[in-house]
Amino acid sequence: MALNPKAFGLACGILWGITCLFMGFLSGTGYGLGFVHGIGSIYIGYGPGLVGAILGAVYGFLDGFIGGYVFIWLYNLLEKR
């Protein structure tokens, strides 16, 4: 049974985007600041605050979608064998 790469990619993108968004907001309080700085070294513009959190959510959604899509595509490819 083949899994749907688009559905899995959307699920991963939404979850990772929301995670990056909330961590961007929370890091303004000091919680998760290391996480935001670490991911911010990959996602240009991601940082504490409103603008950084929104940029992180967009990057996170795209990254999660592509990663989830490729993962399930590869899984389906290998399952056929």
PDB file of N, CA and C in Angstrom:
ATOM      1  N   MET A   1       0.838  -1.179   0.000  1.00  0.00           N
ATOM      2  CA  MET A   1       0.000   0.000   0.000  1.00  0.00           C
ATOM      3  C   MET A   1       0.887   1.248   0.000  1.00  0.00           C
ATOM      4  N   ALA A   2       0.720   2.083  -0.998  1.00  0.00           N
ATOM      5  CA  ALA A   2       1.533   3.288  -1.118  1.00  0.00           C
ATOM      6  C   ALA A   2       0.959   4.403  -0.248  1.00  0.00           C
ATOM      7  N   LEU A   3       1.840   5.143   0.383  1.00  0.00           N
ATOM      8  CA  LEU A   3       1.449   6.291   1.191  1.00  0.00           C
ATOM      9  C   LEU A   3       1.443   7.542   0.325  1.00  0.00           C
ATOM     10  N   ASN A   4       0.674   8.533   0.701  1.00  0.00           N
ATOM     11  CA  ASN A   4       0.529   9.762  -0.062  1.00  0.00           C
ATOM     12  C   ASN A   4       1.622  10.764   0.346  1.00  0.00           C
ATOM     13  N   PRO A   5       2.598  11.015  -0.533  1.00  0.00           N
ATOM     14  CA  PRO A   5       3.687  11.942  -0.192  1.00  0.00           C
ATOM     15  C   PRO A   5       3.209  13.369   0.070  1.00  0.00           C
ATOM     16  N   LYS A   6       2.205  13.824  -0.696  1.00  0.00           N
ATOM     17  CA  LYS A   6       1.716  15.201  -0.513  1.00  0.00           C
ATOM     18  C   LYS A   6       1.076  15.380   0.863  1.00  0.00           C
ATOM     19  N   ALA A   7       0.258  14.421   1.283  1.00  0.00           N
ATOM     20  CA  ALA A   7      -0.399  14.510   2.586  1.00  0.00           C
ATOM     21  C   ALA A   7       0.619  14.453   3.715  1.00  0.00           C
ATOM     22  N   PHE A   8       1.591  13.560   3.605  1.00  0.00           N
ATOM     23  CA  PHE A   8       2.609  13.451   4.643  1.00  0.00           C
ATOM     24  C   PHE A   8       3.480  14.705   4.672  1.00  0.00           C
ATOM     25  N   GLY A   9       3.816  15.218   3.493  1.00  0.00           N
ATOM     26  CA  GLY A   9       4.605  16.444   3.417  1.00  0.00           C
ATOM     27  C   GLY A   9       3.884  17.622   4.048  1.00  0.00           C
ATOM     28  N   LEU A  10       2.577  17.733   3.795  1.00  0.00           N
ATOM     29  CA  LEU A  10       1.798  18.807   4.411  1.00  0.00           C
ATOM     30  C   LEU A  10       1.750  18.662   5.924  1.00  0.00           C
ATOM     31  N   ALA A  11       1.559  17.447   6.406  1.00  0.00           N
ATOM     32  CA  ALA A  11       1.521  17.220   7.857  1.00  0.00           C
ATOM     33  C   ALA A  11       2.852  17.609   8.497  1.00  0.00           C
ATOM     34  N   CYS A  12       3.957  17.176   7.901  1.00  0.00           N
ATOM     35  CA  CYS A  12       5.279  17.513   8.436  1.00  0.00           C
ATOM     36  C   CYS A  12       5.534  19.017   8.365  1.00  0.00           C
ATOM     37  N   GLY A  13       5.165  19.629   7.245  1.00  0.00           N
ATOM     38  CA  GLY A  13       5.373  21.063   7.081  1.00  0.00           C
ATOM     39  C   GLY A  13       4.588  21.877   8.083  1.00  0.00           C
ATOM     40  N   ILE A  14       3.338  21.504   8.297  1.00  0.00           N
ATOM     41  CA  ILE A  14       2.508  22.236   9.255  1.00  0.00           C
ATOM     42  C   ILE A  14       3.065  22.093  10.671  1.00  0.00           C
ATOM     43  N   LEU A  15       3.410  20.864  11.056  1.00  0.00           N
ATOM     44  CA  LEU A  15       3.934  20.649  12.407  1.00  0.00           C
ATOM     45  C   LEU A  15       5.257  21.376  12.639  1.00  0.00           C
ATOM     46  N   TRP A  16       6.174  21.295  11.688  1.00  0.00           N
ATOM     47  CA  TRP A  16       7.472  21.941  11.869  1.00  0.00           C
ATOM     48  C   TRP A  16       7.336  23.465  11.786  1.00  0.00           C
ATOM     49  N   GLY A  17       6.462  23.956  10.908  1.00  0.00           N
ATOM     50  CA  GLY A  17       6.238  25.397  10.817  1.00  0.00           C
ATOM     51  C   GLY A  17       5.667  25.964  12.110  1.00  0.00           C
ATOM     52  N   ILE A  18       4.674  25.272  12.695  1.00  0.00           N
ATOM     53  CA  ILE A  18       4.088  25.722  13.955  1.00  0.00           C
ATOM     54  C   ILE A  18       5.121  25.671  15.079  1.00  0.00           C
ATOM     55  N   THR A  19       5.936  24.626  15.085  1.00  0.00           N
ATOM     56  CA  THR A  19       6.987  24.515  16.101  1.00  0.00           C
ATOM     57  C   THR A  19       7.949  25.698  16.013  1.00  0.00           C
ATOM     58  N   CYS A  20       8.402  26.013  14.815  1.00  0.00           N
ATOM     59  CA  CYS A  20       9.321  27.144  14.644  1.00  0.00           C
ATOM     60  C   CYS A  20       8.661  28.461  15.026  1.00  0.00           C
ATOM     61  N   LEU A  21       7.382  28.615  14.703  1.00  0.00           N
ATOM     62  CA  LEU A  21       6.654  29.834  15.049  1.00  0.00           C
ATOM     63  C   LEU A  21       6.580  30.012  16.565  1.00  0.00           C
ATOM     64  N   PHE A  22       6.124  28.991  17.264  1.00  0.00           N
ATOM     65  CA  PHE A  22       5.997  29.091  18.721  1.00  0.00           C
ATOM     66  C   PHE A  22       7.342  29.253  19.410  1.00  0.00           C
ATOM     67  N   MET A  23       8.353  28.565  18.932  1.00  0.00           N
ATOM     68  CA  MET A  23       9.672  28.706  19.552  1.00  0.00           C
ATOM     69  C   MET A  23      10.226  30.104  19.325  1.00  0.00           C
ATOM     70  N   GLY A  24       9.930  30.695  18.174  1.00  0.00           N
ATOM     71  CA  GLY A  24      10.351  32.076  17.921  1.00  0.00           C
ATOM     72  C   GLY A  24       9.709  33.044  18.896  1.00  0.00           C
ATOM     73  N   PHE A  25       8.416  32.822  19.190  1.00  0.00           N
ATOM     74  CA  PHE A  25       7.728  33.671  20.171  1.00  0.00           C
ATOM     75  C   PHE A  25       8.247  33.412  21.578  1.00  0.00           C
ATOM     76  N   LEU A  26       8.381  32.144  21.955  1.00  0.00           N
ATOM     77  CA  LEU A  26       8.815  31.796  23.309  1.00  0.00           C
ATOM     78  C   LEU A  26      10.249  32.225  23.605  1.00  0.00           C
ATOM     79  N   SER A  27      11.083  32.276  22.576  1.00  0.00           N
ATOM     80  CA  SER A  27      12.483  32.623  22.819  1.00  0.00           C
ATOM     81  C   SER A  27      12.636  34.075  23.277  1.00  0.00           C
ATOM     82  N   GLY A  28      11.606  34.879  23.068  1.00  0.00           N
ATOM     83  CA  GLY A  28      11.622  36.251  23.587  1.00  0.00           C
ATOM     84  C   GLY A  28      11.635  36.280  25.110  1.00  0.00           C
ATOM     85  N   THR A  29      11.163  35.196  25.729  1.00  0.00           N
ATOM     86  CA  THR A  29      11.175  35.087  27.184  1.00  0.00           C
ATOM     87  C   THR A  29      12.448  34.427  27.701  1.00  0.00           C
ATOM     88  N   GLY A  30      13.276  33.951  26.795  1.00  0.00           N
ATOM     89  CA  GLY A  30      14.512  33.271  27.178  1.00  0.00           C
ATOM     90  C   GLY A  30      14.436  31.768  27.020  1.00  0.00           C
ATOM     91  N   TYR A  31      13.206  31.211  26.987  1.00  0.00           N
ATOM     92  CA  TYR A  31      13.041  29.775  26.827  1.00  0.00           C
ATOM     93  C   TYR A  31      13.250  29.402  25.359  1.00  0.00           C
ATOM     94  N   GLY A  32      14.098  28.422  25.110  1.00  0.00           N
ATOM     95  CA  GLY A  32      14.321  27.939  23.756  1.00  0.00           C
ATOM     96  C   GLY A  32      15.218  28.824  22.914  1.00  0.00           C
ATOM     97  N   LEU A  33      15.940  29.717  23.554  1.00  0.00           N
ATOM     98  CA  LEU A  33      16.798  30.641  22.816  1.00  0.00           C
ATOM     99  C   LEU A  33      17.903  29.899  22.063  1.00  0.00           C
ATOM    100  N   GLY A  34      18.448  28.849  22.668  1.00  0.00           N
ATOM    101  CA  GLY A  34      19.469  28.044  21.994  1.00  0.00           C
ATOM    102  C   GLY A  34      18.926  27.361  20.756  1.00  0.00           C
ATOM    103  N   PHE A  35      17.691  26.869  20.840  1.00  0.00           N
ATOM    104  CA  PHE A  35      17.039  26.244  19.690  1.00  0.00           C
ATOM    105  C   PHE A  35      16.906  27.248  18.552  1.00  0.00           C
ATOM    106  N   VAL A  36      16.419  28.436  18.866  1.00  0.00           N
ATOM    107  CA  VAL A  36      16.195  29.454  17.841  1.00  0.00           C
ATOM    108  C   VAL A  36      17.514  29.901  17.225  1.00  0.00           C
ATOM    109  N   HIS A  37      18.543  30.059  18.036  1.00  0.00           N
ATOM    110  CA  HIS A  37      19.847  30.442  17.482  1.00  0.00           C
ATOM    111  C   HIS A  37      20.429  29.326  16.619  1.00  0.00           C
ATOM    112  N   GLY A  38      20.241  28.083  17.029  1.00  0.00           N
ATOM    113  CA  GLY A  38      20.739  26.952  16.235  1.00  0.00           C
ATOM    114  C   GLY A  38      20.050  26.848  14.891  1.00  0.00           C
ATOM    115  N   ILE A  39      18.716  26.883  14.905  1.00  0.00           N
ATOM    116  CA  ILE A  39      17.964  26.811  13.652  1.00  0.00           C
ATOM    117  C   ILE A  39      18.159  28.086  12.839  1.00  0.00           C
ATOM    118  N   GLY A  40      18.335  29.214  13.534  1.00  0.00           N
ATOM    119  CA  GLY A  40      18.571  30.488  12.855  1.00  0.00           C
ATOM    120  C   GLY A  40      19.874  30.509  12.069  1.00  0.00           C
ATOM    121  N   SER A  41      20.799  29.624  12.417  1.00  0.00           N
ATOM    122  CA  SER A  41      22.039  29.546  11.638  1.00  0.00           C
ATOM    123  C   SER A  41      21.798  28.891  10.276  1.00  0.00           C
ATOM    124  N   ILE A  42      20.650  28.239  10.120  1.00  0.00           N
ATOM    125  CA  ILE A  42      20.280  27.607   8.852  1.00  0.00           C
ATOM    126  C   ILE A  42      19.223  28.442   8.131  1.00  0.00           C
ATOM    127  N   TYR A  43      18.199  28.883   8.879  1.00  0.00           N
ATOM    128  CA  TYR A  43      17.108  29.673   8.307  1.00  0.00           C
ATOM    129  C   TYR A  43      17.457  31.153   8.435  1.00  0.00           C
ATOM    130  N   ILE A  44      17.779  31.791   7.335  1.00  0.00           N
ATOM    131  CA  ILE A  44      18.191  33.191   7.326  1.00  0.00           C
ATOM    132  C   ILE A  44      17.043  34.075   7.811  1.00  0.00           C
ATOM    133  N   GLY A  45      17.305  34.896   8.823  1.00  0.00           N
ATOM    134  CA  GLY A  45      16.316  35.817   9.352  1.00  0.00           C
ATOM    135  C   GLY A  45      15.509  35.281  10.517  1.00  0.00           C
ATOM    136  N   TYR A  46      15.635  33.982  10.809  1.00  0.00           N
ATOM    137  CA  TYR A  46      14.873  33.393  11.914  1.00  0.00           C
ATOM    138  C   TYR A  46      15.499  33.808  13.226  1.00  0.00           C
ATOM    139  N   GLY A  47      14.677  34.322  14.127  1.00  0.00           N
ATOM    140  CA  GLY A  47      15.168  34.753  15.423  1.00  0.00           C
ATOM    141  C   GLY A  47      14.013  35.062  16.352  1.00  0.00           C
ATOM    142  N   PRO A  48      14.326  35.497  17.562  1.00  0.00           N
ATOM    143  CA  PRO A  48      13.274  35.846  18.520  1.00  0.00           C
ATOM    144  C   PRO A  48      12.448  37.027  18.014  1.00  0.00           C
ATOM    145  N   GLY A  49      11.180  37.031  18.328  1.00  0.00           N
ATOM    146  CA  GLY A  49      10.313  38.142  17.951  1.00  0.00           C
ATOM    147  C   GLY A  49       9.340  37.783  16.842  1.00  0.00           C
ATOM    148  N   LEU A  50       8.472  38.727  16.523  1.00  0.00           N
ATOM    149  CA  LEU A  50       7.386  38.496  15.573  1.00  0.00           C
ATOM    150  C   LEU A  50       7.887  38.200  14.161  1.00  0.00           C
ATOM    151  N   VAL A  51       8.724  39.054  13.620  1.00  0.00           N
ATOM    152  CA  VAL A  51       9.199  38.874  12.245  1.00  0.00           C
ATOM    153  C   VAL A  51      10.035  37.609  12.125  1.00  0.00           C
ATOM    154  N   GLY A  52      10.927  37.383  13.068  1.00  0.00           N
ATOM    155  CA  GLY A  52      11.756  36.182  13.042  1.00  0.00           C
ATOM    156  C   GLY A  52      10.934  34.915  13.169  1.00  0.00           C
ATOM    157  N   ALA A  53       9.901  34.943  14.007  1.00  0.00           N
ATOM    158  CA  ALA A  53       9.045  33.772  14.186  1.00  0.00           C
ATOM    159  C   ALA A  53       8.261  33.461  12.909  1.00  0.00           C
ATOM    160  N   ILE A  54       7.776  34.506  12.248  1.00  0.00           N
ATOM    161  CA  ILE A  54       7.026  34.287  11.004  1.00  0.00           C
ATOM    162  C   ILE A  54       7.948  33.750   9.917  1.00  0.00           C
ATOM    163  N   LEU A  55       9.149  34.301   9.815  1.00  0.00           N
ATOM    164  CA  LEU A  55      10.114  33.769   8.840  1.00  0.00           C
ATOM    165  C   LEU A  55      10.445  32.313   9.153  1.00  0.00           C
ATOM    166  N   GLY A  56      10.618  31.991  10.421  1.00  0.00           N
ATOM    167  CA  GLY A  56      10.886  30.616  10.822  1.00  0.00           C
ATOM    168  C   GLY A  56       9.748  29.683  10.479  1.00  0.00           C
ATOM    169  N   ALA A  57       8.509  30.161  10.621  1.00  0.00           N
ATOM    170  CA  ALA A  57       7.346  29.343  10.281  1.00  0.00           C
ATOM    171  C   ALA A  57       7.312  29.047   8.789  1.00  0.00           C
ATOM    172  N   VAL A  58       7.629  30.048   7.978  1.00  0.00           N
ATOM    173  CA  VAL A  58       7.634  29.848   6.522  1.00  0.00           C
ATOM    174  C   VAL A  58       8.748  28.878   6.122  1.00  0.00           C
ATOM    175  N   TYR A  59       9.966  29.125   6.612  1.00  0.00           N
ATOM    176  CA  TYR A  59      11.071  28.213   6.339  1.00  0.00           C
ATOM    177  C   TYR A  59      10.762  26.809   6.859  1.00  0.00           C
ATOM    178  N   GLY A  60      10.216  26.732   8.061  1.00  0.00           N
ATOM    179  CA  GLY A  60       9.901  25.446   8.663  1.00  0.00           C
ATOM    180  C   GLY A  60       8.875  24.673   7.866  1.00  0.00           C
ATOM    181  N   PHE A  61       7.832  25.360   7.377  1.00  0.00           N
ATOM    182  CA  PHE A  61       6.834  24.692   6.564  1.00  0.00           C
ATOM    183  C   PHE A  61       7.459  24.138   5.293  1.00  0.00           C
ATOM    184  N   LEU A  62       8.239  24.959   4.603  1.00  0.00           N
ATOM    185  CA  LEU A  62       8.865  24.506   3.353  1.00  0.00           C
ATOM    186  C   LEU A  62       9.828  23.349   3.603  1.00  0.00           C
ATOM    187  N   ASP A  63      10.630  23.468   4.634  1.00  0.00           N
ATOM    188  CA  ASP A  63      11.601  22.431   4.966  1.00  0.00           C
ATOM    189  C   ASP A  63      10.895  21.134   5.358  1.00  0.00           C
ATOM    190  N   GLY A  64       9.873  21.244   6.199  1.00  0.00           N
ATOM    191  CA  GLY A  64       9.126  20.069   6.628  1.00  0.00           C
ATOM    192  C   GLY A  64       8.382  19.409   5.484  1.00  0.00           C
ATOM    193  N   PHE A  65       7.782  20.220   4.609  1.00  0.00           N
ATOM    194  CA  PHE A  65       7.055  19.666   3.472  1.00  0.00           C
ATOM    195  C   PHE A  65       7.995  18.902   2.536  1.00  0.00           C
ATOM    196  N   ILE A  66       9.101  19.525   2.178  1.00  0.00           N
ATOM    197  CA  ILE A  66      10.040  18.876   1.257  1.00  0.00           C
ATOM    198  C   ILE A  66      10.621  17.611   1.884  1.00  0.00           C
ATOM    199  N   GLY A  67      11.020  17.704   3.153  1.00  0.00           N
ATOM    200  CA  GLY A  67      11.573  16.532   3.836  1.00  0.00           C
ATOM    201  C   GLY A  67      10.578  15.391   3.946  1.00  0.00           C
ATOM    202  N   GLY A  68       9.338  15.705   4.329  1.00  0.00           N
ATOM    203  CA  GLY A  68       8.303  14.674   4.441  1.00  0.00           C
ATOM    204  C   GLY A  68       7.947  14.074   3.104  1.00  0.00           C
ATOM    205  N   TYR A  69       7.849  14.902   2.078  1.00  0.00           N
ATOM    206  CA  TYR A  69       7.527  14.422   0.735  1.00  0.00           C
ATOM    207  C   TYR A  69       8.602  13.464   0.224  1.00  0.00           C
ATOM    208  N   VAL A  70       9.857  13.871   0.348  1.00  0.00           N
ATOM    209  CA  VAL A  70      10.963  13.026  -0.129  1.00  0.00           C
ATOM    210  C   VAL A  70      11.036  11.725   0.672  1.00  0.00           C
ATOM    211  N   PHE A  71      10.796  11.802   1.984  1.00  0.00           N
ATOM    212  CA  PHE A  71      10.838  10.610   2.825  1.00  0.00           C
ATOM    213  C   PHE A  71       9.812   9.579   2.369  1.00  0.00           C
ATOM    214  N   ILE A  72       8.560  10.002   2.169  1.00  0.00           N
ATOM    215  CA  ILE A  72       7.519   9.062   1.759  1.00  0.00           C
ATOM    216  C   ILE A  72       7.710   8.626   0.317  1.00  0.00           C
ATOM    217  N   TRP A  73       8.182   9.491  -0.544  1.00  0.00           N
ATOM    218  CA  TRP A  73       8.468   9.099  -1.930  1.00  0.00           C
ATOM    219  C   TRP A  73       9.509   7.979  -1.942  1.00  0.00           C
ATOM    220  N   LEU A  74      10.565   8.149  -1.153  1.00  0.00           N
ATOM    221  CA  LEU A  74      11.607   7.126  -1.079  1.00  0.00           C
ATOM    222  C   LEU A  74      11.073   5.848  -0.448  1.00  0.00           C
ATOM    223  N   TYR A  75      10.256   5.981   0.599  1.00  0.00           N
ATOM    224  CA  TYR A  75       9.644   4.822   1.242  1.00  0.00           C
ATOM    225  C   TYR A  75       8.807   4.035   0.233  1.00  0.00           C
ATOM    226  N   ASN A  76       7.966   4.741  -0.538  1.00  0.00           N
ATOM    227  CA  ASN A  76       7.139   4.058  -1.534  1.00  0.00           C
ATOM    228  C   ASN A  76       7.997   3.390  -2.598  1.00  0.00           C
ATOM    229  N   LEU A  77       9.072   4.038  -2.994  1.00  0.00           N
ATOM    230  CA  LEU A  77       9.968   3.476  -3.995  1.00  0.00           C
ATOM    231  C   LEU A  77      10.601   2.171  -3.491  1.00  0.00           C
ATOM    232  N   LEU A  78      11.058   2.172  -2.249  1.00  0.00           N
ATOM    233  CA  LEU A  78      11.710   0.984  -1.688  1.00  0.00           C
ATOM    234  C   LEU A  78      10.710  -0.111  -1.335  1.00  0.00           C
ATOM    235  N   GLU A  79       9.476   0.253  -1.021  1.00  0.00           N
ATOM    236  CA  GLU A  79       8.472  -0.742  -0.678  1.00  0.00           C
ATOM    237  C   GLU A  79       8.074  -1.590  -1.887  1.00  0.00           C
ATOM    238  N   LYS A  80       8.164  -1.035  -3.074  1.00  0.00           N
ATOM    239  CA  LYS A  80       7.802  -1.755  -4.302  1.00  0.00           C
ATOM    240  C   LYS A  80       8.740  -2.921  -4.581  1.00  0.00           C
ATOM    241  N   ARG A  81       9.927  -2.880  -4.045  1.00  0.00           N
ATOM    242  CA  ARG A  81      10.927  -3.916  -4.346  1.00  0.00           C
ATOM    243  C   ARG A  81      10.709  -5.143  -3.564  1.00  0.00           C
TER     244      ARG A  81
END
